[in-house]
């Protein structure tokens, strides 16, 4: 085990690159909390985190725990906050909602963009109150995965395999694609999204 005395939370709003970042952390030597779903590394419920979270593990937290009726477990924390161009993120949220449940209003992307802009500082502040936060931009990770992996390594401390973490990053544009082809490939385990 790493000897880390804290858990790592990957946080932000949906469609921010959290799955890719979880993959980078796992490849670098910070495994997801037991019970995480394959590929996406999401937890089926907050109870899974309470039952299995221990120092040295990572967990994806895309909802604000305090606003969802549960609190962060009392363990040491470090967080990786992910930002993305809010317009592209809103478009990606709409695309995902349409694919997932077959519906999303024509103004859904704008509503999500407005929500991200309005709530970003409050949500980030919730996590910052519980531990140090590394801010990463999705676009920057795609542009220079080596720099992003090195930042992750410094944030979580040794041992961390920077080269393995950087190798997880996919080569693509940060703009929202019009279809789900890329995401479906990642579900098959062929790429990390």
N, C-alpha and C. Protein backbone atom coordinates (compact mmCIF):
# COMPACT_ATOMS: atom_id res chain seq x y z
N UNK A 1 0.85 -1.18 0.00
CA UNK A 1 0.00 0.00 0.00
C UNK A 1 0.88 1.23 0.00
N UNK A 2 0.33 2.35 -0.36
CA UNK A 2 1.08 3.57 -0.59
C UNK A 2 1.58 4.24 0.68
N UNK A 3 0.95 4.02 1.80
CA UNK A 3 1.29 4.76 3.00
C UNK A 3 0.57 6.10 3.09
N UNK A 4 -0.34 6.39 2.13
CA UNK A 4 -1.10 7.64 2.18
C UNK A 4 -2.05 7.60 3.37
N UNK A 5 -2.19 8.74 4.02
CA UNK A 5 -3.05 8.83 5.19
C UNK A 5 -4.35 9.55 4.87
N UNK A 6 -4.68 9.65 3.58
CA UNK A 6 -5.87 10.39 3.14
C UNK A 6 -6.48 9.68 1.95
N UNK A 7 -7.75 9.99 1.70
CA UNK A 7 -8.43 9.54 0.49
C UNK A 7 -8.39 10.69 -0.52
N UNK A 8 -8.55 10.35 -1.80
CA UNK A 8 -8.54 11.36 -2.86
C UNK A 8 -9.93 11.41 -3.48
N UNK A 9 -10.55 12.58 -3.45
CA UNK A 9 -11.86 12.77 -4.06
C UNK A 9 -11.71 13.48 -5.39
N UNK A 10 -12.26 12.90 -6.45
CA UNK A 10 -12.30 13.54 -7.76
C UNK A 10 -13.66 14.21 -7.87
N UNK A 11 -13.65 15.54 -7.97
CA UNK A 11 -14.88 16.31 -7.81
C UNK A 11 -15.07 17.31 -8.94
N UNK A 12 -16.32 17.72 -9.12
CA UNK A 12 -16.70 18.69 -10.14
C UNK A 12 -18.13 18.42 -10.56
N UNK A 13 -18.54 19.01 -11.66
CA UNK A 13 -19.86 18.76 -12.22
C UNK A 13 -19.73 17.67 -13.28
N UNK A 14 -20.83 17.01 -13.60
CA UNK A 14 -20.81 15.94 -14.57
C UNK A 14 -20.19 16.34 -15.91
N UNK A 15 -19.61 15.38 -16.58
CA UNK A 15 -19.03 15.55 -17.91
C UNK A 15 -17.81 16.48 -17.87
N UNK A 16 -17.03 16.37 -16.80
CA UNK A 16 -15.87 17.25 -16.61
C UNK A 16 -14.54 16.54 -16.84
N UNK A 17 -14.57 15.25 -17.15
CA UNK A 17 -13.34 14.48 -17.31
C UNK A 17 -13.02 13.65 -16.07
N UNK A 18 -14.02 13.44 -15.22
CA UNK A 18 -13.78 12.72 -13.96
C UNK A 18 -13.40 11.26 -14.19
N UNK A 19 -14.00 10.60 -15.16
CA UNK A 19 -13.67 9.20 -15.41
C UNK A 19 -12.23 9.09 -15.89
N UNK A 20 -11.82 9.98 -16.77
CA UNK A 20 -10.44 9.99 -17.25
C UNK A 20 -9.48 10.23 -16.08
N UNK A 21 -9.81 11.16 -15.22
CA UNK A 21 -8.94 11.48 -14.09
C UNK A 21 -8.88 10.33 -13.10
N UNK A 22 -10.01 9.67 -12.86
CA UNK A 22 -9.99 8.48 -12.01
C UNK A 22 -9.09 7.41 -12.61
N UNK A 23 -9.15 7.25 -13.94
CA UNK A 23 -8.27 6.30 -14.61
C UNK A 23 -6.80 6.66 -14.46
N UNK A 24 -6.51 7.97 -14.55
CA UNK A 24 -5.12 8.44 -14.37
C UNK A 24 -4.64 8.12 -12.96
N UNK A 25 -5.47 8.41 -11.96
CA UNK A 25 -5.08 8.14 -10.58
C UNK A 25 -4.88 6.64 -10.35
N UNK A 26 -5.78 5.83 -10.88
CA UNK A 26 -5.65 4.38 -10.72
C UNK A 26 -4.36 3.88 -11.36
N UNK A 27 -4.08 4.33 -12.58
CA UNK A 27 -2.85 3.91 -13.26
C UNK A 27 -1.61 4.38 -12.52
N UNK A 28 -1.72 5.56 -11.89
CA UNK A 28 -0.59 6.10 -11.16
C UNK A 28 -0.33 5.43 -9.82
N UNK A 29 -1.32 4.73 -9.30
CA UNK A 29 -1.13 4.02 -8.03
C UNK A 29 -2.10 4.37 -6.93
N UNK A 30 -3.20 5.07 -7.27
CA UNK A 30 -4.25 5.39 -6.29
C UNK A 30 -5.52 4.67 -6.73
N UNK A 31 -5.77 3.47 -6.25
CA UNK A 31 -6.92 2.69 -6.72
C UNK A 31 -8.25 3.27 -6.28
N UNK A 32 -9.31 3.02 -7.07
CA UNK A 32 -10.65 3.45 -6.66
C UNK A 32 -11.12 2.69 -5.42
N UNK A 33 -12.03 3.31 -4.69
CA UNK A 33 -12.60 2.68 -3.51
C UNK A 33 -13.26 1.35 -3.92
N UNK A 34 -13.12 0.31 -3.10
CA UNK A 34 -13.78 -0.96 -3.40
C UNK A 34 -15.29 -0.75 -3.58
N UNK A 35 -15.85 -1.47 -4.53
CA UNK A 35 -17.27 -1.34 -4.82
C UNK A 35 -17.57 -0.39 -5.95
N UNK A 36 -16.53 0.30 -6.46
CA UNK A 36 -16.73 1.21 -7.60
C UNK A 36 -17.08 0.41 -8.84
N UNK A 37 -17.89 1.03 -9.69
CA UNK A 37 -18.26 0.37 -10.94
C UNK A 37 -17.05 0.34 -11.89
N UNK A 38 -16.94 -0.71 -12.70
CA UNK A 38 -15.84 -0.74 -13.66
C UNK A 38 -15.97 0.42 -14.66
N UNK A 39 -14.89 0.86 -15.19
CA UNK A 39 -14.76 1.91 -16.20
C UNK A 39 -15.08 3.29 -15.64
N UNK A 40 -16.33 3.54 -15.19
CA UNK A 40 -16.69 4.88 -14.73
C UNK A 40 -16.16 5.18 -13.33
N UNK A 41 -15.90 4.14 -12.54
CA UNK A 41 -15.41 4.25 -11.17
C UNK A 41 -16.42 4.93 -10.24
N UNK A 42 -17.68 5.00 -10.65
CA UNK A 42 -18.70 5.60 -9.78
C UNK A 42 -19.16 4.59 -8.74
N UNK A 43 -19.68 5.11 -7.65
CA UNK A 43 -20.23 4.26 -6.60
C UNK A 43 -21.72 4.11 -6.79
N UNK A 44 -22.25 2.90 -6.57
CA UNK A 44 -23.69 2.73 -6.68
C UNK A 44 -24.47 3.57 -5.69
N UNK A 45 -23.90 3.82 -4.49
CA UNK A 45 -24.58 4.65 -3.49
C UNK A 45 -23.55 5.18 -2.50
N UNK A 46 -23.91 6.24 -1.76
CA UNK A 46 -22.99 6.75 -0.73
C UNK A 46 -22.62 5.70 0.31
N UNK A 47 -23.52 4.72 0.55
CA UNK A 47 -23.23 3.68 1.53
C UNK A 47 -21.98 2.90 1.14
N UNK A 48 -21.77 2.70 -0.17
CA UNK A 48 -20.57 1.99 -0.61
C UNK A 48 -19.31 2.73 -0.17
N UNK A 49 -19.35 4.05 -0.21
CA UNK A 49 -18.18 4.82 0.19
C UNK A 49 -17.95 4.67 1.69
N UNK A 50 -18.99 4.76 2.47
CA UNK A 50 -18.83 4.62 3.92
C UNK A 50 -18.30 3.24 4.28
N UNK A 51 -18.75 2.23 3.57
CA UNK A 51 -18.34 0.86 3.89
C UNK A 51 -16.91 0.54 3.46
N UNK A 52 -16.47 1.11 2.33
CA UNK A 52 -15.20 0.66 1.78
C UNK A 52 -14.09 1.68 1.70
N UNK A 53 -14.36 2.95 1.99
CA UNK A 53 -13.35 3.97 1.79
C UNK A 53 -12.28 3.91 2.87
N UNK A 54 -11.06 3.90 2.41
CA UNK A 54 -9.91 3.92 3.32
C UNK A 54 -8.85 4.82 2.72
N UNK A 55 -7.93 5.23 3.55
CA UNK A 55 -6.82 6.05 3.07
C UNK A 55 -6.13 5.32 1.91
N UNK A 56 -5.69 6.10 0.94
CA UNK A 56 -5.00 5.52 -0.21
C UNK A 56 -5.91 5.22 -1.38
N UNK A 57 -7.22 5.36 -1.21
CA UNK A 57 -8.18 5.11 -2.28
C UNK A 57 -8.70 6.42 -2.87
N UNK A 58 -9.24 6.33 -4.08
CA UNK A 58 -9.88 7.46 -4.72
C UNK A 58 -11.37 7.20 -4.84
N UNK A 59 -12.13 8.29 -4.89
CA UNK A 59 -13.58 8.17 -5.05
C UNK A 59 -14.06 9.35 -5.89
N UNK A 60 -14.98 9.06 -6.79
CA UNK A 60 -15.58 10.10 -7.63
C UNK A 60 -16.80 10.66 -6.90
N UNK A 61 -16.82 11.99 -6.75
CA UNK A 61 -17.90 12.66 -6.04
C UNK A 61 -18.45 13.78 -6.92
N UNK A 62 -19.46 13.48 -7.72
CA UNK A 62 -20.01 14.49 -8.61
C UNK A 62 -21.28 15.13 -8.07
N UNK A 63 -21.69 14.76 -6.88
CA UNK A 63 -22.78 15.43 -6.19
C UNK A 63 -22.20 16.04 -4.93
N UNK A 64 -22.85 17.07 -4.43
CA UNK A 64 -22.37 17.68 -3.19
C UNK A 64 -22.91 16.86 -2.03
N UNK A 65 -22.05 16.14 -1.31
CA UNK A 65 -22.55 15.24 -0.26
C UNK A 65 -23.46 15.93 0.75
N UNK A 66 -23.09 17.08 1.28
CA UNK A 66 -23.89 17.74 2.30
C UNK A 66 -25.27 18.11 1.82
N UNK A 67 -25.42 18.35 0.51
CA UNK A 67 -26.72 18.71 -0.03
C UNK A 67 -27.54 17.48 -0.40
N UNK A 68 -26.92 16.31 -0.36
CA UNK A 68 -27.62 15.08 -0.70
C UNK A 68 -28.01 14.28 0.54
N UNK A 69 -27.82 14.88 1.72
CA UNK A 69 -28.24 14.21 2.94
C UNK A 69 -27.19 13.29 3.53
N UNK A 70 -25.95 13.35 3.08
CA UNK A 70 -24.90 12.55 3.68
C UNK A 70 -23.62 13.37 3.73
N UNK A 71 -22.73 12.98 4.60
CA UNK A 71 -21.50 13.73 4.81
C UNK A 71 -20.30 12.91 4.34
N UNK A 72 -19.21 13.61 4.13
CA UNK A 72 -17.96 12.93 3.82
C UNK A 72 -17.53 12.12 5.03
N UNK A 73 -17.06 10.90 4.82
CA UNK A 73 -16.53 10.16 5.96
C UNK A 73 -15.38 10.93 6.61
N UNK A 74 -15.24 10.78 7.91
CA UNK A 74 -14.18 11.51 8.61
C UNK A 74 -12.87 10.76 8.45
N UNK A 75 -12.23 11.08 7.35
CA UNK A 75 -10.91 10.53 7.00
C UNK A 75 -10.17 11.72 6.40
N UNK A 76 -8.88 11.70 6.38
CA UNK A 76 -8.15 12.78 5.72
C UNK A 76 -8.51 12.82 4.23
N UNK A 77 -8.55 14.01 3.65
CA UNK A 77 -8.95 14.16 2.24
C UNK A 77 -7.99 15.05 1.47
N UNK A 78 -7.83 14.75 0.19
CA UNK A 78 -7.29 15.65 -0.82
C UNK A 78 -8.24 15.54 -2.00
N UNK A 79 -8.46 16.64 -2.70
CA UNK A 79 -9.42 16.67 -3.79
C UNK A 79 -8.77 17.12 -5.08
N UNK A 80 -9.31 16.60 -6.18
CA UNK A 80 -8.95 17.07 -7.52
C UNK A 80 -10.23 17.66 -8.10
N UNK A 81 -10.26 18.99 -8.23
CA UNK A 81 -11.42 19.68 -8.78
C UNK A 81 -11.23 19.83 -10.28
N UNK A 82 -12.23 19.40 -11.04
CA UNK A 82 -12.16 19.45 -12.50
C UNK A 82 -13.09 20.51 -13.07
N UNK A 83 -12.51 21.39 -13.84
CA UNK A 83 -13.28 22.39 -14.58
C UNK A 83 -13.24 22.03 -16.06
N UNK A 84 -14.22 22.51 -16.79
CA UNK A 84 -14.28 22.35 -18.23
C UNK A 84 -14.99 23.58 -18.78
N UNK A 85 -14.73 23.92 -20.02
CA UNK A 85 -15.47 25.02 -20.64
C UNK A 85 -16.95 24.75 -20.37
N UNK A 86 -17.64 25.65 -19.64
CA UNK A 86 -19.02 25.35 -19.23
C UNK A 86 -19.99 25.19 -20.39
N UNK A 87 -19.73 25.84 -21.51
CA UNK A 87 -20.62 25.67 -22.67
C UNK A 87 -20.48 24.26 -23.23
N UNK A 88 -19.24 23.80 -23.39
CA UNK A 88 -19.01 22.44 -23.87
C UNK A 88 -19.52 21.41 -22.87
N UNK A 89 -19.35 21.71 -21.59
CA UNK A 89 -19.82 20.80 -20.55
C UNK A 89 -21.35 20.71 -20.57
N UNK A 90 -22.03 21.85 -20.71
CA UNK A 90 -23.48 21.84 -20.81
C UNK A 90 -23.97 21.06 -22.01
N UNK A 91 -23.29 21.23 -23.15
CA UNK A 91 -23.65 20.47 -24.35
C UNK A 91 -23.46 18.97 -24.11
N UNK A 92 -22.37 18.61 -23.45
CA UNK A 92 -22.11 17.20 -23.18
C UNK A 92 -23.15 16.63 -22.21
N UNK A 93 -23.57 17.43 -21.23
CA UNK A 93 -24.60 16.99 -20.30
C UNK A 93 -25.91 16.74 -21.04
N UNK A 94 -26.26 17.62 -21.97
CA UNK A 94 -27.49 17.44 -22.74
C UNK A 94 -27.40 16.19 -23.61
N UNK A 95 -26.26 16.01 -24.27
CA UNK A 95 -26.06 14.83 -25.11
C UNK A 95 -26.21 13.56 -24.28
N UNK A 96 -25.60 13.55 -23.10
CA UNK A 96 -25.66 12.38 -22.24
C UNK A 96 -27.09 12.14 -21.74
N UNK A 97 -27.80 13.21 -21.35
CA UNK A 97 -29.18 13.06 -20.88
C UNK A 97 -30.08 12.51 -21.98
N UNK A 98 -29.88 12.99 -23.20
CA UNK A 98 -30.68 12.50 -24.32
C UNK A 98 -30.41 11.03 -24.57
N UNK A 99 -29.15 10.64 -24.47
CA UNK A 99 -28.79 9.23 -24.70
C UNK A 99 -29.30 8.36 -23.55
N UNK A 100 -29.14 8.84 -22.30
CA UNK A 100 -29.45 8.03 -21.14
C UNK A 100 -30.95 7.84 -20.93
N UNK A 101 -31.73 8.92 -21.04
CA UNK A 101 -33.16 8.75 -20.78
C UNK A 101 -34.05 9.19 -21.95
N UNK A 102 -33.43 9.47 -23.10
CA UNK A 102 -34.19 9.78 -24.30
C UNK A 102 -34.79 11.16 -24.36
N UNK A 103 -34.48 11.99 -23.39
CA UNK A 103 -35.07 13.32 -23.43
C UNK A 103 -34.15 14.34 -22.77
N UNK A 104 -34.20 15.52 -23.29
CA UNK A 104 -33.54 16.70 -22.72
C UNK A 104 -34.06 17.87 -23.54
N UNK A 105 -34.62 18.83 -22.88
CA UNK A 105 -35.22 19.97 -23.57
C UNK A 105 -34.19 20.72 -24.40
N UNK A 106 -34.66 21.50 -25.34
CA UNK A 106 -33.75 22.23 -26.22
C UNK A 106 -32.89 23.23 -25.46
N UNK A 107 -33.36 23.70 -24.30
CA UNK A 107 -32.57 24.66 -23.52
C UNK A 107 -31.81 23.99 -22.37
N UNK A 108 -31.76 22.66 -22.36
CA UNK A 108 -31.09 21.91 -21.29
C UNK A 108 -29.62 22.28 -21.18
N UNK A 109 -28.91 22.37 -22.30
CA UNK A 109 -27.47 22.69 -22.27
C UNK A 109 -27.24 24.06 -21.65
N UNK A 110 -28.07 25.03 -22.03
CA UNK A 110 -27.91 26.38 -21.46
C UNK A 110 -28.20 26.38 -19.96
N UNK A 111 -29.23 25.65 -19.54
CA UNK A 111 -29.53 25.56 -18.11
C UNK A 111 -28.36 24.95 -17.33
N UNK A 112 -27.76 23.89 -17.90
CA UNK A 112 -26.63 23.26 -17.23
C UNK A 112 -25.43 24.20 -17.18
N UNK A 113 -25.17 24.90 -18.30
CA UNK A 113 -24.08 25.87 -18.34
C UNK A 113 -24.29 26.95 -17.28
N UNK A 114 -25.51 27.48 -17.18
CA UNK A 114 -25.81 28.51 -16.19
C UNK A 114 -25.64 27.98 -14.77
N UNK A 115 -26.05 26.74 -14.52
CA UNK A 115 -25.90 26.12 -13.21
C UNK A 115 -24.43 25.97 -12.84
N UNK A 116 -23.64 25.49 -13.78
CA UNK A 116 -22.20 25.34 -13.53
C UNK A 116 -21.59 26.69 -13.15
N UNK A 117 -21.90 27.70 -13.93
CA UNK A 117 -21.34 29.04 -13.66
C UNK A 117 -21.80 29.58 -12.30
N UNK A 118 -23.06 29.37 -11.98
CA UNK A 118 -23.61 29.92 -10.74
C UNK A 118 -23.13 29.17 -9.49
N UNK A 119 -22.95 27.86 -9.61
CA UNK A 119 -22.69 27.04 -8.42
C UNK A 119 -21.23 26.63 -8.23
N UNK A 120 -20.37 26.89 -9.20
CA UNK A 120 -19.00 26.40 -9.16
C UNK A 120 -18.27 26.74 -7.85
N UNK A 121 -18.26 28.00 -7.49
CA UNK A 121 -17.47 28.40 -6.32
C UNK A 121 -18.03 27.82 -5.02
N UNK A 122 -19.35 27.73 -4.92
CA UNK A 122 -19.96 27.15 -3.72
C UNK A 122 -19.62 25.67 -3.59
N UNK A 123 -19.76 24.94 -4.69
CA UNK A 123 -19.50 23.50 -4.64
C UNK A 123 -18.01 23.24 -4.39
N UNK A 124 -17.15 23.97 -5.09
CA UNK A 124 -15.71 23.79 -4.87
C UNK A 124 -15.36 24.13 -3.43
N UNK A 125 -15.99 25.17 -2.89
CA UNK A 125 -15.73 25.57 -1.52
C UNK A 125 -16.11 24.51 -0.50
N UNK A 126 -17.17 23.75 -0.81
CA UNK A 126 -17.57 22.66 0.08
C UNK A 126 -16.42 21.69 0.27
N UNK A 127 -15.76 21.33 -0.84
CA UNK A 127 -14.65 20.38 -0.76
C UNK A 127 -13.40 21.04 -0.17
N UNK A 128 -13.14 22.29 -0.54
CA UNK A 128 -11.95 22.99 -0.02
C UNK A 128 -11.99 23.10 1.50
N UNK A 129 -13.18 23.10 2.07
CA UNK A 129 -13.29 23.15 3.53
C UNK A 129 -12.88 21.84 4.19
N UNK A 130 -12.77 20.77 3.38
CA UNK A 130 -12.43 19.45 3.94
C UNK A 130 -11.04 18.97 3.59
N UNK A 131 -10.31 19.71 2.75
CA UNK A 131 -8.95 19.28 2.42
C UNK A 131 -8.38 20.07 1.26
N UNK A 132 -7.07 19.90 1.00
CA UNK A 132 -6.43 20.61 -0.10
C UNK A 132 -7.04 20.23 -1.45
N UNK A 133 -7.12 21.22 -2.35
CA UNK A 133 -7.74 21.01 -3.67
C UNK A 133 -6.73 21.33 -4.76
N UNK A 134 -6.58 20.41 -5.70
CA UNK A 134 -5.82 20.65 -6.94
C UNK A 134 -6.84 20.97 -8.02
N UNK A 135 -6.70 22.13 -8.66
CA UNK A 135 -7.59 22.51 -9.75
C UNK A 135 -6.98 22.07 -11.08
N UNK A 136 -7.75 21.31 -11.86
CA UNK A 136 -7.34 20.91 -13.21
C UNK A 136 -8.44 21.28 -14.18
N UNK A 137 -8.05 21.69 -15.38
CA UNK A 137 -9.00 21.94 -16.47
C UNK A 137 -8.92 20.78 -17.45
N UNK A 138 -10.07 20.27 -17.83
CA UNK A 138 -10.17 19.17 -18.78
C UNK A 138 -9.36 19.46 -20.04
N UNK A 139 -9.50 20.67 -20.55
CA UNK A 139 -8.81 21.05 -21.78
C UNK A 139 -7.29 20.99 -21.61
N UNK A 140 -6.80 21.39 -20.44
CA UNK A 140 -5.35 21.37 -20.18
C UNK A 140 -4.83 19.94 -20.05
N UNK A 141 -5.63 19.07 -19.43
CA UNK A 141 -5.23 17.66 -19.30
C UNK A 141 -5.09 17.04 -20.69
N UNK A 142 -6.07 17.31 -21.58
CA UNK A 142 -5.99 16.78 -22.93
C UNK A 142 -4.79 17.34 -23.70
N UNK A 143 -4.51 18.62 -23.50
CA UNK A 143 -3.43 19.28 -24.24
C UNK A 143 -2.05 18.80 -23.79
N UNK A 144 -1.88 18.59 -22.48
CA UNK A 144 -0.57 18.19 -21.96
C UNK A 144 -0.73 17.20 -20.81
N UNK A 145 -0.98 15.93 -21.15
CA UNK A 145 -1.21 14.93 -20.10
C UNK A 145 -0.01 14.72 -19.18
N UNK A 146 1.21 14.94 -19.69
CA UNK A 146 2.39 14.76 -18.84
C UNK A 146 2.40 15.77 -17.70
N UNK A 147 2.08 17.02 -18.01
CA UNK A 147 2.03 18.06 -16.97
C UNK A 147 0.92 17.75 -15.97
N UNK A 148 -0.26 17.37 -16.47
CA UNK A 148 -1.38 17.06 -15.58
C UNK A 148 -1.05 15.88 -14.67
N UNK A 149 -0.44 14.84 -15.24
CA UNK A 149 -0.07 13.66 -14.44
C UNK A 149 0.96 14.04 -13.37
N UNK A 150 1.91 14.90 -13.72
CA UNK A 150 2.90 15.35 -12.74
C UNK A 150 2.23 16.14 -11.62
N UNK A 151 1.24 16.97 -11.97
CA UNK A 151 0.50 17.72 -10.94
C UNK A 151 -0.24 16.76 -10.01
N UNK A 152 -0.88 15.75 -10.59
CA UNK A 152 -1.57 14.75 -9.76
C UNK A 152 -0.58 14.06 -8.83
N UNK A 153 0.57 13.69 -9.38
CA UNK A 153 1.57 13.01 -8.58
C UNK A 153 2.05 13.84 -7.40
N UNK A 154 2.27 15.12 -7.62
CA UNK A 154 2.68 16.01 -6.52
C UNK A 154 1.56 16.14 -5.49
N UNK A 155 0.32 16.18 -5.96
CA UNK A 155 -0.83 16.39 -5.06
C UNK A 155 -1.07 15.17 -4.17
N UNK A 156 -0.96 13.98 -4.72
CA UNK A 156 -1.23 12.77 -3.93
C UNK A 156 0.03 12.19 -3.30
N UNK A 157 1.20 12.61 -3.77
CA UNK A 157 2.45 12.15 -3.19
C UNK A 157 2.86 10.77 -3.67
N UNK A 158 4.10 10.39 -3.35
CA UNK A 158 4.62 9.10 -3.81
C UNK A 158 4.00 7.95 -3.04
N UNK A 159 4.06 6.77 -3.59
CA UNK A 159 4.54 6.49 -4.94
C UNK A 159 3.44 6.82 -5.96
N UNK A 160 3.85 7.38 -7.08
CA UNK A 160 2.90 7.70 -8.15
C UNK A 160 3.63 7.58 -9.48
N UNK A 161 3.08 6.77 -10.38
CA UNK A 161 3.67 6.53 -11.69
C UNK A 161 3.12 7.56 -12.68
N UNK A 162 3.86 8.65 -12.86
CA UNK A 162 3.43 9.76 -13.71
C UNK A 162 3.25 9.30 -15.16
N UNK A 163 4.18 8.49 -15.66
CA UNK A 163 4.09 8.04 -17.06
C UNK A 163 2.85 7.19 -17.29
N UNK A 164 2.54 6.28 -16.36
CA UNK A 164 1.35 5.43 -16.51
C UNK A 164 0.08 6.28 -16.44
N UNK A 165 0.07 7.27 -15.56
CA UNK A 165 -1.10 8.15 -15.44
C UNK A 165 -1.30 8.94 -16.73
N UNK A 166 -0.24 9.50 -17.29
CA UNK A 166 -0.34 10.29 -18.52
C UNK A 166 -0.81 9.44 -19.70
N UNK A 167 -0.43 8.17 -19.71
CA UNK A 167 -0.78 7.28 -20.83
C UNK A 167 -2.28 7.01 -20.92
N UNK A 168 -3.01 7.25 -19.85
CA UNK A 168 -4.46 7.02 -19.83
C UNK A 168 -5.21 8.07 -20.65
N UNK A 169 -4.64 9.27 -20.77
CA UNK A 169 -5.34 10.38 -21.41
C UNK A 169 -5.54 10.11 -22.89
N UNK A 170 -6.76 10.32 -23.35
CA UNK A 170 -7.11 10.07 -24.74
C UNK A 170 -6.78 11.29 -25.60
N UNK A 171 -6.47 11.03 -26.83
CA UNK A 171 -6.15 12.09 -27.79
C UNK A 171 -7.44 12.50 -28.49
N UNK A 172 -7.96 13.67 -28.12
CA UNK A 172 -9.21 14.13 -28.72
C UNK A 172 -9.38 15.62 -28.49
N UNK A 173 -10.33 16.19 -29.18
CA UNK A 173 -10.68 17.58 -28.99
C UNK A 173 -11.48 17.72 -27.69
N UNK A 174 -11.33 18.85 -26.99
CA UNK A 174 -12.14 19.04 -25.79
C UNK A 174 -13.59 19.43 -26.08
N UNK A 175 -13.90 19.67 -27.34
CA UNK A 175 -15.28 20.04 -27.70
C UNK A 175 -16.20 18.83 -27.59
N UNK A 176 -17.43 19.11 -27.24
CA UNK A 176 -18.44 18.06 -27.12
C UNK A 176 -18.69 17.44 -28.49
N UNK A 177 -18.56 16.13 -28.57
CA UNK A 177 -18.84 15.44 -29.83
C UNK A 177 -20.35 15.30 -29.99
N UNK A 178 -20.84 15.23 -31.22
CA UNK A 178 -22.29 15.17 -31.42
C UNK A 178 -22.91 13.82 -31.11
N UNK A 179 -22.10 12.78 -30.97
CA UNK A 179 -22.65 11.44 -30.74
C UNK A 179 -22.01 10.84 -29.49
N UNK A 180 -22.40 9.63 -29.17
CA UNK A 180 -21.88 8.94 -27.98
C UNK A 180 -20.82 7.90 -28.34
N UNK A 181 -20.29 7.94 -29.55
CA UNK A 181 -19.34 6.91 -30.00
C UNK A 181 -18.15 6.80 -29.06
N UNK A 182 -17.58 7.91 -28.67
CA UNK A 182 -16.40 7.87 -27.81
C UNK A 182 -16.74 7.27 -26.44
N UNK A 183 -17.86 7.70 -25.87
CA UNK A 183 -18.27 7.21 -24.56
C UNK A 183 -18.57 5.71 -24.62
N UNK A 184 -19.20 5.28 -25.68
CA UNK A 184 -19.51 3.85 -25.80
C UNK A 184 -18.25 3.01 -25.95
N UNK A 185 -17.24 3.55 -26.61
CA UNK A 185 -15.96 2.85 -26.68
C UNK A 185 -15.37 2.68 -25.29
N UNK A 186 -15.47 3.72 -24.45
CA UNK A 186 -14.89 3.63 -23.13
C UNK A 186 -15.63 2.62 -22.26
N UNK A 187 -16.93 2.46 -22.47
CA UNK A 187 -17.69 1.46 -21.71
C UNK A 187 -17.20 0.07 -22.05
N UNK A 188 -16.75 -0.11 -23.28
CA UNK A 188 -16.20 -1.40 -23.69
C UNK A 188 -14.78 -1.59 -23.19
N UNK A 189 -14.24 -0.56 -22.52
CA UNK A 189 -12.92 -0.66 -21.95
C UNK A 189 -11.79 -0.38 -22.92
N UNK A 190 -12.10 0.17 -24.07
CA UNK A 190 -11.06 0.41 -25.07
C UNK A 190 -10.40 1.76 -24.92
N UNK A 191 -11.09 2.73 -24.33
CA UNK A 191 -10.53 4.05 -24.09
C UNK A 191 -11.05 4.55 -22.76
N UNK A 192 -10.32 5.43 -22.12
CA UNK A 192 -10.83 6.06 -20.90
C UNK A 192 -11.41 7.40 -21.24
N UNK A 193 -12.60 7.68 -20.78
CA UNK A 193 -13.24 8.97 -21.08
C UNK A 193 -13.34 9.83 -19.85
